């Protein structure tokens, strides 16, 4: 059997490309994840709490959020930018980790906190007023660090750090 080397190499390159594409999707973790991490500070009565947050700024990032993730470490979170300030509604569809949702006004003050949200729920969680952003952190964070409405958030979205 005499095989043409160019034909064999062409087929092999095609298979290799397909394998690398599949491996890249698996390594990347499947669902879209926000690309950048930034520091965020919350000034509470008991001190300053620092978080490392993923930014959700594109429509795709905001729609996906923390969906499909099985864990979220303490001190980590996702910050959703809803500029301009507006009434914001969130839900927990396809979200496995219970969260605290911290609704933040354009001036960087916390408007409202929805604590210990129910995983996989389609119940609407409203900001109950105009919000510029929503910070999602693991459930229990607000209570653990004494985070309350009126506390100040330091991040470039709010004209600060």
C-alpha atoms as a PDB file:
ATOM      1  CA  UNK A   1       0.000   0.000   0.000  1.00  0.00           C
ATOM      2  CA  UNK A   2       1.535   3.260  -1.164  1.00  0.00           C
ATOM      3  CA  UNK A   3       0.093   6.315   0.622  1.00  0.00           C
ATOM      4  CA  UNK A   4       0.725   9.849  -0.524  1.00  0.00           C
ATOM      5  CA  UNK A   5       2.667  11.560   2.290  1.00  0.00           C
ATOM      6  CA  UNK A   6       1.051  14.965   1.623  1.00  0.00           C
ATOM      7  CA  UNK A   7      -2.449  13.486   1.876  1.00  0.00           C
ATOM      8  CA  UNK A   8      -1.591  11.670   5.116  1.00  0.00           C
ATOM      9  CA  UNK A   9      -0.033  14.841   6.599  1.00  0.00           C
ATOM     10  CA  UNK A  10      -3.070  16.904   5.571  1.00  0.00           C
ATOM     11  CA  UNK A  11      -5.452  14.507   7.357  1.00  0.00           C
ATOM     12  CA  UNK A  12      -3.180  14.382  10.415  1.00  0.00           C
ATOM     13  CA  UNK A  13      -3.048  18.213  10.627  1.00  0.00           C
ATOM     14  CA  UNK A  14      -6.846  18.354  10.492  1.00  0.00           C
ATOM     15  CA  UNK A  15      -7.184  15.857  13.349  1.00  0.00           C
ATOM     16  CA  UNK A  16      -4.503  17.629  15.380  1.00  0.00           C
ATOM     17  CA  UNK A  17      -6.296  20.972  14.967  1.00  0.00           C
ATOM     18  CA  UNK A  18      -9.597  19.409  16.081  1.00  0.00           C
ATOM     19  CA  UNK A  19      -7.960  17.816  19.142  1.00  0.00           C
ATOM     20  CA  UNK A  20      -6.285  21.101  20.141  1.00  0.00           C
ATOM     21  CA  UNK A  21      -9.574  22.996  19.745  1.00  0.00           C
ATOM     22  CA  UNK A  22     -11.426  20.513  21.966  1.00  0.00           C
ATOM     23  CA  UNK A  23      -8.612  20.530  24.540  1.00  0.00           C
ATOM     24  CA  UNK A  24      -8.672  24.345  24.585  1.00  0.00           C
ATOM     25  CA  UNK A  25     -12.390  24.396  25.341  1.00  0.00           C
ATOM     26  CA  UNK A  26     -11.980  21.846  28.146  1.00  0.00           C
ATOM     27  CA  UNK A  27      -8.990  23.679  29.667  1.00  0.00           C
ATOM     28  CA  UNK A  28     -10.766  27.039  29.394  1.00  0.00           C
ATOM     29  CA  UNK A  29     -13.548  25.667  31.591  1.00  0.00           C
ATOM     30  CA  UNK A  30     -16.447  25.832  29.180  1.00  0.00           C
ATOM     31  CA  UNK A  31     -18.707  28.775  30.056  1.00  0.00           C
ATOM     32  CA  UNK A  32     -17.540  32.314  29.437  1.00  0.00           C
ATOM     33  CA  UNK A  33     -15.717  33.874  32.374  1.00  0.00           C
ATOM     34  CA  UNK A  34     -14.999  37.521  32.938  1.00  0.00           C
ATOM     35  CA  UNK A  35     -11.473  38.306  31.833  1.00  0.00           C
ATOM     36  CA  UNK A  36      -9.957  40.623  34.409  1.00  0.00           C
ATOM     37  CA  UNK A  37      -9.536  40.624  38.200  1.00  0.00           C
ATOM     38  CA  UNK A  38      -9.384  43.877  40.116  1.00  0.00           C
ATOM     39  CA  UNK A  39      -9.132  44.828  43.785  1.00  0.00           C
ATOM     40  CA  UNK A  40     -12.224  46.248  45.465  1.00  0.00           C
ATOM     41  CA  UNK A  41     -12.467  47.633  49.011  1.00  0.00           C
ATOM     42  CA  UNK A  42     -15.478  47.977  51.270  1.00  0.00           C
ATOM     43  CA  UNK A  43     -15.105  50.360  54.202  1.00  0.00           C
ATOM     44  CA  UNK A  44     -17.200  49.087  57.128  1.00  0.00           C
ATOM     45  CA  UNK A  45     -17.502  50.227  60.741  1.00  0.00           C
ATOM     46  CA  UNK A  46     -15.116  47.412  61.696  1.00  0.00           C
ATOM     47  CA  UNK A  47     -12.487  48.175  59.043  1.00  0.00           C
ATOM     48  CA  UNK A  48     -11.631  47.811  55.372  1.00  0.00           C
ATOM     49  CA  UNK A  49     -12.361  44.528  53.604  1.00  0.00           C
ATOM     50  CA  UNK A  50     -10.485  43.846  50.363  1.00  0.00           C
ATOM     51  CA  UNK A  51     -11.847  41.586  47.618  1.00  0.00           C
ATOM     52  CA  UNK A  52     -10.481  40.374  44.295  1.00  0.00           C
ATOM     53  CA  UNK A  53     -13.290  40.710  41.775  1.00  0.00           C
ATOM     54  CA  UNK A  54     -13.855  39.604  38.218  1.00  0.00           C
ATOM     55  CA  UNK A  55     -15.365  42.307  36.083  1.00  0.00           C
ATOM     56  CA  UNK A  56     -18.591  41.608  34.199  1.00  0.00           C
ATOM     57  CA  UNK A  57     -18.939  44.487  31.750  1.00  0.00           C
ATOM     58  CA  UNK A  58     -20.070  42.978  28.429  1.00  0.00           C
ATOM     59  CA  UNK A  59     -23.641  41.805  27.961  1.00  0.00           C
ATOM     60  CA  UNK A  60     -22.446  38.193  27.659  1.00  0.00           C
ATOM     61  CA  UNK A  61     -20.423  38.427  30.891  1.00  0.00           C
ATOM     62  CA  UNK A  62     -23.356  40.033  32.732  1.00  0.00           C
ATOM     63  CA  UNK A  63     -25.803  37.401  31.496  1.00  0.00           C
ATOM     64  CA  UNK A  64     -23.514  34.501  32.459  1.00  0.00           C
ATOM     65  CA  UNK A  65     -22.170  35.936  35.716  1.00  0.00           C
ATOM     66  CA  UNK A  66     -21.236  33.170  38.161  1.00  0.00           C
ATOM     67  CA  UNK A  67     -23.494  30.567  36.532  1.00  0.00           C
ATOM     68  CA  UNK A  68     -22.273  26.961  36.429  1.00  0.00           C
ATOM     69  CA  UNK A  69     -19.493  27.481  38.971  1.00  0.00           C
ATOM     70  CA  UNK A  70     -19.318  24.962  41.777  1.00  0.00           C
ATOM     71  CA  UNK A  71     -17.396  27.143  44.244  1.00  0.00           C
ATOM     72  CA  UNK A  72     -16.433  30.711  45.034  1.00  0.00           C
ATOM     73  CA  UNK A  73     -13.598  31.400  47.459  1.00  0.00           C
ATOM     74  CA  UNK A  74     -13.868  33.815  50.370  1.00  0.00           C
ATOM     75  CA  UNK A  75     -12.494  37.180  49.303  1.00  0.00           C
ATOM     76  CA  UNK A  76     -13.383  36.612  45.640  1.00  0.00           C
ATOM     77  CA  UNK A  77     -16.379  37.924  43.751  1.00  0.00           C
ATOM     78  CA  UNK A  78     -17.801  39.348  40.555  1.00  0.00           C
ATOM     79  CA  UNK A  79     -18.621  43.003  39.968  1.00  0.00           C
ATOM     80  CA  UNK A  80     -21.347  43.736  37.415  1.00  0.00           C
ATOM     81  CA  UNK A  81     -21.225  47.202  35.829  1.00  0.00           C
ATOM     82  CA  UNK A  82     -24.705  48.466  34.935  1.00  0.00           C
ATOM     83  CA  UNK A  83     -23.714  51.992  33.903  1.00  0.00           C
ATOM     84  CA  UNK A  84     -25.711  54.198  33.880  1.00  0.00           C
ATOM     85  CA  UNK A  85     -27.247  53.828  37.334  1.00  0.00           C
ATOM     86  CA  UNK A  86     -30.607  52.031  37.017  1.00  0.00           C
ATOM     87  CA  UNK A  87     -33.028  49.636  38.689  1.00  0.00           C
ATOM     88  CA  UNK A  88     -31.306  46.241  38.487  1.00  0.00           C
ATOM     89  CA  UNK A  89     -32.825  42.752  38.653  1.00  0.00           C
ATOM     90  CA  UNK A  90     -30.785  39.584  39.164  1.00  0.00           C
ATOM     91  CA  UNK A  91     -31.577  35.878  39.587  1.00  0.00           C
ATOM     92  CA  UNK A  92     -29.809  32.658  40.536  1.00  0.00           C
ATOM     93  CA  UNK A  93     -30.722  30.529  37.517  1.00  0.00           C
ATOM     94  CA  UNK A  94     -27.933  27.982  36.830  1.00  0.00           C
ATOM     95  CA  UNK A  95     -25.956  29.351  39.795  1.00  0.00           C
ATOM     96  CA  UNK A  96     -24.933  26.598  42.212  1.00  0.00           C
ATOM     97  CA  UNK A  97     -23.216  28.692  44.889  1.00  0.00           C
ATOM     98  CA  UNK A  98     -25.370  30.665  47.381  1.00  0.00           C
ATOM     99  CA  UNK A  99     -24.430  34.332  47.134  1.00  0.00           C
ATOM    100  CA  UNK A 100     -24.722  37.690  48.836  1.00  0.00           C
ATOM    101  CA  UNK A 101     -25.660  40.306  46.220  1.00  0.00           C
ATOM    102  CA  UNK A 102     -24.495  43.785  47.146  1.00  0.00           C
ATOM    103  CA  UNK A 103     -26.223  46.538  45.147  1.00  0.00           C
ATOM    104  CA  UNK A 104     -24.069  49.672  44.884  1.00  0.00           C
ATOM    105  CA  UNK A 105     -25.101  53.219  43.918  1.00  0.00           C
ATOM    106  CA  UNK A 106     -23.117  55.365  41.474  1.00  0.00           C
ATOM    107  CA  UNK A 107     -21.548  57.247  44.407  1.00  0.00           C
ATOM    108  CA  UNK A 108     -20.051  53.985  45.735  1.00  0.00           C
ATOM    109  CA  UNK A 109     -22.441  53.625  48.676  1.00  0.00           C
ATOM    110  CA  UNK A 110     -24.135  50.274  49.255  1.00  0.00           C
ATOM    111  CA  UNK A 111     -27.839  50.581  48.516  1.00  0.00           C
ATOM    112  CA  UNK A 112     -29.037  47.105  49.490  1.00  0.00           C
ATOM    113  CA  UNK A 113     -27.770  43.604  50.281  1.00  0.00           C
ATOM    114  CA  UNK A 114     -29.647  40.439  49.304  1.00  0.00           C
ATOM    115  CA  UNK A 115     -28.080  37.885  51.641  1.00  0.00           C
ATOM    116  CA  UNK A 116     -27.819  34.123  51.158  1.00  0.00           C
ATOM    117  CA  UNK A 117     -29.620  33.934  47.816  1.00  0.00           C
ATOM    118  CA  UNK A 118     -31.084  30.570  46.855  1.00  0.00           C
ATOM    119  CA  UNK A 119     -29.066  28.527  44.336  1.00  0.00           C
ATOM    120  CA  UNK A 120     -30.784  27.666  41.023  1.00  0.00           C
ATOM    121  CA  UNK A 121     -33.775  29.923  41.808  1.00  0.00           C
ATOM    122  CA  UNK A 122     -35.493  32.001  39.121  1.00  0.00           C
ATOM    123  CA  UNK A 123     -36.912  34.357  41.766  1.00  0.00           C
ATOM    124  CA  UNK A 124     -36.156  37.967  40.801  1.00  0.00           C
ATOM    125  CA  UNK A 125     -33.835  39.819  43.182  1.00  0.00           C
ATOM    126  CA  UNK A 126     -34.266  43.576  42.791  1.00  0.00           C
ATOM    127  CA  UNK A 127     -31.958  46.418  43.709  1.00  0.00           C
ATOM    128  CA  UNK A 128     -35.058  48.282  45.015  1.00  0.00           C
ATOM    129  CA  UNK A 129     -33.622  51.538  43.751  1.00  0.00           C
ATOM    130  CA  UNK A 130     -31.090  52.834  41.242  1.00  0.00           C
ATOM    131  CA  UNK A 131     -27.768  50.932  41.292  1.00  0.00           C
ATOM    132  CA  UNK A 132     -24.613  51.375  39.231  1.00  0.00           C
ATOM    133  CA  UNK A 133     -23.215  47.939  40.057  1.00  0.00           C
ATOM    134  CA  UNK A 134     -23.790  44.628  41.814  1.00  0.00           C
ATOM    135  CA  UNK A 135     -21.083  42.789  43.720  1.00  0.00           C
ATOM    136  CA  UNK A 136     -21.661  39.039  44.079  1.00  0.00           C
ATOM    137  CA  UNK A 137     -19.718  37.285  46.836  1.00  0.00           C
ATOM    138  CA  UNK A 138     -20.128  33.948  48.601  1.00  0.00           C
ATOM    139  CA  UNK A 139     -23.139  33.831  50.951  1.00  0.00           C
ATOM    140  CA  UNK A 140     -22.374  34.896  54.506  1.00  0.00           C
ATOM    141  CA  UNK A 141     -19.758  37.468  53.484  1.00  0.00           C
ATOM    142  CA  UNK A 142     -21.868  40.505  54.427  1.00  0.00           C
ATOM    143  CA  UNK A 143     -22.580  39.110  57.887  1.00  0.00           C
ATOM    144  CA  UNK A 144     -19.011  37.847  58.402  1.00  0.00           C
ATOM    145  CA  UNK A 145     -17.447  41.251  57.684  1.00  0.00           C
ATOM    146  CA  UNK A 146     -20.257  43.476  58.978  1.00  0.00           C
ATOM    147  CA  UNK A 147     -21.038  44.909  55.531  1.00  0.00           C
ATOM    148  CA  UNK A 148     -24.161  47.104  55.664  1.00  0.00           C
ATOM    149  CA  UNK A 149     -26.151  49.469  53.429  1.00  0.00           C
ATOM    150  CA  UNK A 150     -24.457  52.869  53.472  1.00  0.00           C
ATOM    151  CA  UNK A 151     -20.929  51.411  53.604  1.00  0.00           C
ATOM    152  CA  UNK A 152     -18.569  52.810  50.965  1.00  0.00           C
ATOM    153  CA  UNK A 153     -17.111  50.723  48.133  1.00  0.00           C
ATOM    154  CA  UNK A 154     -13.728  51.717  46.735  1.00  0.00           C
ATOM    155  CA  UNK A 155     -13.246  50.838  43.070  1.00  0.00           C
ATOM    156  CA  UNK A 156     -12.606  52.817  39.842  1.00  0.00           C
ATOM    157  CA  UNK A 157     -16.274  52.382  38.810  1.00  0.00           C
ATOM    158  CA  UNK A 158     -17.162  54.715  41.660  1.00  0.00           C
ATOM    159  CA  UNK A 159     -14.399  57.273  41.119  1.00  0.00           C
ATOM    160  CA  UNK A 160     -12.062  55.752  43.730  1.00  0.00           C
ATOM    161  CA  UNK A 161      -9.465  53.012  44.024  1.00  0.00           C
END
